Amino acid sequence: MGHGSYTSADWTRLKSSRRISEATHSSNIFEKSSLDPRFDPKFIACRESRDSDDHPDSTPIIIGLDVTGSMGYLATEIAKEGLHETMMKLFSLKPVNDPQLMFAALGDRVDRAPLQVTQFESDIRIAQQLLDLWLEMGGGDAPEDYQLLWYFAAKHTATDRFEKRGKKGFIFTIGDADCHKSISEDVIKNVFGDKGSQLSLRETAEMALEKYELFHIHITSSSEALPPKLREALPGRCLRIKKELISNLPELIVSVLMLFSGRSMEDVLGTWPEKTAEVLKWCLKGLVISNDDGVSF
């Protein structure tokens, strides 16, 4: 997948057809009342990010959104403006070549839809499929199951960036709670239809890290510390953003990609208006990355 190109005009038309405005409630944005089989990992052998004439140097980017409990505001923010802003900044600032996005709705293992995954796309189908996800709003407040997406990426995706060029894609999970410490054999079977033994959180992260650079963005209402299990599983790859500032998620994601491409922190922060740069400086504190050329900070 991943043909075509995303345009602002296409987004404007889609917003108009779905009657999406700043005041639109999440229930009128995400109209599905049950899990769409197209997005059920139990029926998905593999999601592919492939090169094409339009995108000869494809870069897979997976964004997983916590949709449990009260977290519907996150998917709503992304659907209203966050996706569009992310795509426009990816194309204008070019932190990576030929981005192909997949979205995931992250629930809890006890939900009817613990995980939903779209296709990798480069055009308006990114938004169309995002809007077709089901906001079950199940699960509890904590812990969550972000590692279900890590497992899916490791076991059920294939990318030309990795297979042809030996380079990794990118995964960003976003939520407000810590993670379960493991995935049981039963959960693997129930969610994916796979046979497998129990995996610790760190083991699942290491599986995903073979093909993807993996990051978690923790949404907080204060300056609280990062969730301990996620911090231990992803040292140097956990970031924070304050709940009232989640409109800056596009800039945060793009900034991580820019840093990974080899640009300095000073250069990256200088890309943004002063107030945005101050927000990002706090969000990026503690980030440690090493790019494909071995450059780290």
Protein backbone atom coordinates (compact mmCIF):
# COMPACT_ATOMS: atom_id res chain seq x y z
CA MET A 1 0.00 0.00 0.00
CA GLY A 2 1.02 3.66 0.00
CA HIS A 3 0.25 5.05 -3.44
CA GLY A 4 -0.81 8.64 -4.11
CA SER A 5 -0.03 11.77 -2.12
CA TYR A 6 -1.76 13.57 0.72
CA THR A 7 -3.09 17.06 -0.09
CA SER A 8 -4.68 19.82 1.91
CA ALA A 9 -7.54 20.02 -0.62
CA ASP A 10 -8.40 16.35 -0.09
CA TRP A 11 -8.51 16.90 3.67
CA THR A 12 -10.79 19.91 3.28
CA ARG A 13 -13.19 17.87 1.16
CA LEU A 14 -13.17 14.97 3.61
CA LYS A 15 -13.82 17.28 6.59
CA SER A 16 -16.73 18.84 4.74
CA SER A 17 -18.24 15.50 3.73
CA ARG A 18 -17.99 14.19 7.32
CA ARG A 19 -19.12 17.54 8.80
CA ILE A 20 -16.05 17.77 11.02
CA SER A 21 -15.43 21.09 12.76
CA GLU A 22 -13.78 22.21 15.98
CA ALA A 23 -17.13 21.76 17.76
CA THR A 24 -17.89 18.26 16.43
CA HIS A 25 -18.29 15.65 19.18
CA SER A 26 -16.22 12.46 19.00
CA SER A 27 -19.37 10.34 18.53
CA ASN A 28 -20.09 12.25 15.32
CA ILE A 29 -16.51 11.87 14.08
CA PHE A 30 -16.06 8.19 14.83
CA GLU A 31 -19.44 6.80 13.78
CA LYS A 32 -18.63 3.09 13.90
CA SER A 33 -20.48 1.15 16.61
CA SER A 34 -18.51 -2.07 16.30
CA LEU A 35 -15.15 -3.40 15.16
CA ASP A 36 -14.63 -3.27 11.40
CA PRO A 37 -13.09 -6.62 10.31
CA ARG A 38 -10.74 -4.71 7.98
CA PHE A 39 -8.88 -3.46 11.05
CA ASP A 40 -9.05 -6.58 13.24
CA PRO A 41 -5.52 -8.02 13.62
CA LYS A 42 -6.94 -11.53 13.93
CA PHE A 43 -7.79 -11.32 10.21
CA ILE A 44 -4.62 -9.53 9.09
CA ALA A 45 -1.70 -11.70 8.04
CA CYS A 46 0.51 -8.73 7.12
CA ARG A 47 0.40 -4.96 6.63
CA GLU A 48 2.87 -3.82 3.98
CA SER A 49 4.73 -0.58 3.37
CA ARG A 50 6.13 -0.83 -0.15
CA ASP A 51 7.99 1.44 -2.56
CA SER A 52 6.10 2.73 -5.59
CA ASP A 53 6.58 5.11 -8.50
CA ASP A 54 5.03 7.82 -6.32
CA HIS A 55 7.13 6.91 -3.29
CA PRO A 56 10.34 5.11 -4.25
CA ASP A 57 11.98 5.50 -0.81
CA SER A 58 9.08 4.66 1.49
CA THR A 59 9.30 5.25 5.26
CA PRO A 60 6.72 3.46 7.43
CA ILE A 61 5.42 5.43 10.42
CA ILE A 62 2.99 3.81 12.86
CA ILE A 63 1.03 5.96 15.34
CA GLY A 64 -0.87 4.14 18.07
CA LEU A 65 -3.52 6.02 20.04
CA ASP A 66 -4.82 4.97 23.46
CA VAL A 67 -8.64 4.96 23.15
CA THR A 68 -9.49 3.46 26.55
CA GLY A 69 -11.54 5.09 29.28
CA SER A 70 -11.50 8.87 28.99
CA MET A 71 -8.86 8.90 26.25
CA GLY A 72 -11.28 9.50 23.38
CA TYR A 73 -10.14 13.11 23.37
CA LEU A 74 -6.80 11.98 21.94
CA ALA A 75 -8.26 10.31 18.85
CA THR A 76 -10.64 13.26 18.46
CA GLU A 77 -7.74 15.74 18.55
CA ILE A 78 -5.83 13.70 15.97
CA ALA A 79 -8.89 13.35 13.74
CA LYS A 80 -9.83 17.03 13.83
CA GLU A 81 -6.45 18.56 13.11
CA GLY A 82 -3.53 16.46 14.35
CA LEU A 83 -3.34 14.11 11.38
CA HIS A 84 -3.56 16.92 8.86
CA GLU A 85 -0.91 18.98 10.67
CA THR A 86 1.37 15.96 10.94
CA MET A 87 1.11 15.16 7.23
CA MET A 88 1.63 18.76 6.11
CA LYS A 89 4.71 19.11 8.33
CA LEU A 90 6.10 15.77 7.14
CA PHE A 91 5.86 16.97 3.54
CA SER A 92 7.07 20.53 4.13
CA LEU A 93 9.97 19.79 6.51
CA LYS A 94 10.90 16.38 5.03
CA PRO A 95 12.41 14.74 8.14
CA VAL A 96 12.03 11.40 6.31
CA ASN A 97 11.51 10.36 2.71
CA ASP A 98 8.13 9.26 1.35
CA PRO A 99 6.20 8.79 4.60
CA GLN A 100 3.55 6.06 4.75
CA LEU A 101 1.33 6.19 7.84
CA MET A 102 -0.54 3.48 9.69
CA PHE A 103 -2.84 4.33 12.61
CA ALA A 104 -3.77 2.02 15.46
CA ALA A 105 -6.46 2.26 18.12
CA LEU A 106 -5.09 0.79 21.35
CA GLY A 107 -7.56 -0.70 23.78
CA ASP A 108 -7.17 -3.13 26.64
CA ARG A 109 -6.83 -6.92 26.47
CA VAL A 110 -10.30 -7.29 28.05
CA ASP A 111 -11.98 -5.17 25.35
CA ARG A 112 -13.84 -6.48 22.33
CA ALA A 113 -11.33 -4.54 20.21
CA PRO A 114 -7.97 -4.55 22.04
CA LEU A 115 -6.22 -3.43 18.86
CA GLN A 116 -7.28 -1.99 15.50
CA VAL A 117 -4.81 -1.26 12.69
CA THR A 118 -5.23 0.58 9.39
CA GLN A 119 -3.24 0.10 6.20
CA PHE A 120 -0.01 1.97 5.47
CA GLU A 121 -1.09 4.88 3.25
CA SER A 122 0.37 8.07 1.81
CA ASP A 123 -2.78 9.88 0.70
CA ILE A 124 -6.20 10.84 2.09
CA ARG A 125 -6.94 7.17 2.79
CA ILE A 126 -4.88 7.69 5.95
CA ALA A 127 -7.64 9.96 7.28
CA GLN A 128 -10.50 7.94 5.83
CA GLN A 129 -9.37 4.80 7.61
CA LEU A 130 -8.63 6.65 10.85
CA LEU A 131 -12.23 7.89 10.90
CA ASP A 132 -13.49 4.35 10.37
CA LEU A 133 -11.92 3.06 13.58
CA TRP A 134 -14.21 2.19 16.50
CA LEU A 135 -13.82 4.18 19.71
CA GLU A 136 -14.88 1.42 22.06
CA MET A 137 -13.76 3.46 25.11
CA GLY A 138 -13.36 0.28 27.12
CA GLY A 139 -10.64 -0.98 29.42
CA GLY A 140 -9.60 0.53 32.70
CA ASP A 141 -7.45 3.50 33.57
CA ALA A 142 -4.23 1.48 33.96
CA PRO A 143 -2.22 -0.42 33.00
CA GLU A 144 -2.70 -0.50 29.23
CA ASP A 145 -1.62 -2.71 26.33
CA TYR A 146 0.58 -0.60 24.05
CA GLN A 147 2.75 -3.66 23.51
CA LEU A 148 -0.02 -5.26 21.42
CA LEU A 149 0.92 -2.81 18.67
CA TRP A 150 4.61 -3.54 19.13
CA TYR A 151 3.87 -7.25 18.70
CA PHE A 152 1.78 -6.62 15.58
CA ALA A 153 4.51 -4.46 14.04
CA ALA A 154 7.13 -7.12 14.74
CA LYS A 155 5.14 -10.12 13.56
CA HIS A 156 2.61 -8.82 11.04
CA THR A 157 4.22 -6.02 9.01
CA ALA A 158 6.64 -6.04 6.08
CA THR A 159 8.44 -2.97 4.76
CA ASP A 160 10.72 -2.24 1.83
CA ARG A 161 12.64 0.22 3.99
CA PHE A 162 13.81 -2.69 6.14
CA GLU A 163 13.90 -5.52 3.59
CA LYS A 164 15.56 -3.58 0.75
CA ARG A 165 17.57 -0.93 2.57
CA GLY A 166 18.19 -2.38 6.02
CA LYS A 167 16.68 0.70 7.67
CA LYS A 168 14.01 0.87 10.34
CA GLY A 169 10.59 2.46 10.32
CA PHE A 170 9.11 4.36 13.27
CA ILE A 171 6.49 3.59 15.91
CA PHE A 172 4.94 6.13 18.28
CA THR A 173 2.50 4.94 20.94
CA ILE A 174 0.63 7.67 22.82
CA GLY A 175 -1.30 7.35 26.07
CA ASP A 176 -1.68 8.37 29.71
CA ALA A 177 -0.89 5.17 31.63
CA ASP A 178 1.76 2.53 32.15
CA CYS A 179 1.79 -0.84 30.40
CA HIS A 180 1.07 -4.40 31.50
CA LYS A 181 4.31 -6.21 32.29
CA SER A 182 3.73 -8.99 29.76
CA ILE A 183 1.51 -10.50 27.04
CA SER A 184 0.20 -13.95 27.89
CA GLU A 185 -0.11 -16.88 25.53
CA ASP A 186 -3.90 -16.56 25.72
CA VAL A 187 -3.82 -12.86 24.78
CA ILE A 188 -1.58 -13.57 21.79
CA LYS A 189 -4.04 -16.23 20.61
CA ASN A 190 -7.19 -14.19 21.29
CA VAL A 191 -5.99 -10.92 19.73
CA PHE A 192 -3.85 -12.18 16.84
CA GLY A 193 -4.80 -15.80 16.34
CA ASP A 194 -1.12 -16.68 16.80
CA LYS A 195 0.47 -19.48 18.72
CA GLY A 196 3.18 -18.28 21.04
CA SER A 197 4.46 -18.23 24.59
CA GLN A 198 4.23 -15.38 27.07
CA LEU A 199 6.36 -12.33 26.28
CA SER A 200 7.63 -9.74 28.74
CA LEU A 201 7.23 -6.06 27.95
CA ARG A 202 10.96 -5.77 27.24
CA GLU A 203 10.93 -8.86 25.01
CA THR A 204 8.08 -7.41 22.95
CA ALA A 205 9.88 -4.09 22.64
CA GLU A 206 13.05 -5.83 21.47
CA MET A 207 11.06 -7.71 18.81
CA ALA A 208 9.64 -4.44 17.45
CA LEU A 209 13.03 -2.71 17.67
CA GLU A 210 14.45 -5.13 15.13
CA LYS A 211 12.46 -3.36 12.37
CA TYR A 212 11.31 -0.08 13.96
CA GLU A 213 12.60 2.79 16.05
CA LEU A 214 10.18 2.72 18.95
CA PHE A 215 8.97 5.66 21.05
CA HIS A 216 6.25 6.21 23.64
CA ILE A 217 4.67 9.61 24.36
CA HIS A 218 3.16 9.83 27.84
CA ILE A 219 0.32 12.31 28.30
CA THR A 220 0.42 13.90 31.73
CA SER A 221 -1.51 16.58 33.58
CA SER A 222 1.58 17.59 35.55
CA SER A 223 5.32 17.07 35.69
CA GLU A 224 4.92 13.50 36.99
CA ALA A 225 7.61 10.97 36.28
CA LEU A 226 7.45 8.67 33.28
CA PRO A 227 5.61 5.35 33.79
CA PRO A 228 8.19 2.95 35.31
CA LYS A 229 7.48 -0.15 33.20
CA LEU A 230 7.59 1.79 29.94
CA ARG A 231 10.67 3.69 31.04
CA GLU A 232 12.46 0.42 31.79
CA ALA A 233 11.37 -1.24 28.54
CA LEU A 234 12.23 1.79 26.39
CA PRO A 235 15.16 3.60 28.04
CA GLY A 236 15.71 6.98 26.44
CA ARG A 237 12.67 6.54 24.19
CA CYS A 238 9.87 7.75 26.51
CA LEU A 239 8.70 11.35 26.17
CA ARG A 240 6.13 13.45 28.00
CA ILE A 241 3.57 16.01 26.89
CA LYS A 242 1.07 17.85 29.03
CA LYS A 243 -2.58 17.08 28.34
CA GLU A 244 -3.46 20.71 27.65
CA LEU A 245 -0.69 20.88 25.02
CA ILE A 246 -1.53 17.81 22.92
CA SER A 247 -2.17 20.07 19.93
CA ASN A 248 1.65 20.08 19.74
CA LEU A 249 1.82 16.32 19.10
CA PRO A 250 2.47 16.81 15.34
CA GLU A 251 5.46 19.04 16.10
CA LEU A 252 6.74 16.58 18.70
CA ILE A 253 6.57 13.59 16.33
CA VAL A 254 8.18 15.52 13.49
CA SER A 255 10.89 16.83 15.83
CA VAL A 256 11.85 13.28 16.84
CA LEU A 257 12.11 12.34 13.17
CA MET A 258 14.21 15.43 12.45
CA LEU A 259 16.57 14.62 15.32
CA PHE A 260 16.85 11.06 14.09
CA SER A 261 17.82 12.33 10.63
CA GLY A 262 20.89 13.94 12.18
CA ARG A 263 19.79 17.50 12.88
CA SER A 264 20.89 19.09 16.15
CA MET A 265 18.49 19.87 18.98
CA GLU A 266 19.23 23.57 18.53
CA ASP A 267 18.43 23.37 14.83
CA VAL A 268 15.22 21.40 15.40
CA LEU A 269 13.89 23.72 18.11
CA GLY A 270 14.75 26.68 15.90
CA THR A 271 12.33 25.35 13.28
CA TRP A 272 9.33 26.22 15.46
CA PRO A 273 7.86 29.44 16.90
CA GLU A 274 9.33 30.36 20.29
CA LYS A 275 6.38 29.17 22.41
CA THR A 276 6.21 25.86 20.56
CA ALA A 277 9.97 25.40 20.93
CA GLU A 278 9.67 25.84 24.71
CA VAL A 279 6.98 23.15 24.85
CA LEU A 280 9.06 20.77 22.75
CA LYS A 281 12.22 21.37 24.77
CA TRP A 282 10.41 20.08 27.85
CA CYS A 283 8.81 17.18 25.95
CA LEU A 284 12.11 16.00 24.47
CA LYS A 285 14.03 16.09 27.75
CA GLY A 286 15.67 12.72 28.32
CA LEU A 287 15.37 11.50 24.74
CA VAL A 288 18.33 9.41 23.61
CA ILE A 289 18.51 8.24 20.01
CA SER A 290 21.06 6.76 17.65
CA ASN A 291 20.40 7.06 13.94
CA ASP A 292 21.30 4.72 11.10
CA ASP A 293 24.71 6.37 10.81
CA GLY A 294 25.48 5.80 14.47
CA VAL A 295 25.04 9.44 15.48
CA SER A 296 23.54 9.80 18.95
CA PHE A 297 22.85 12.44 21.55
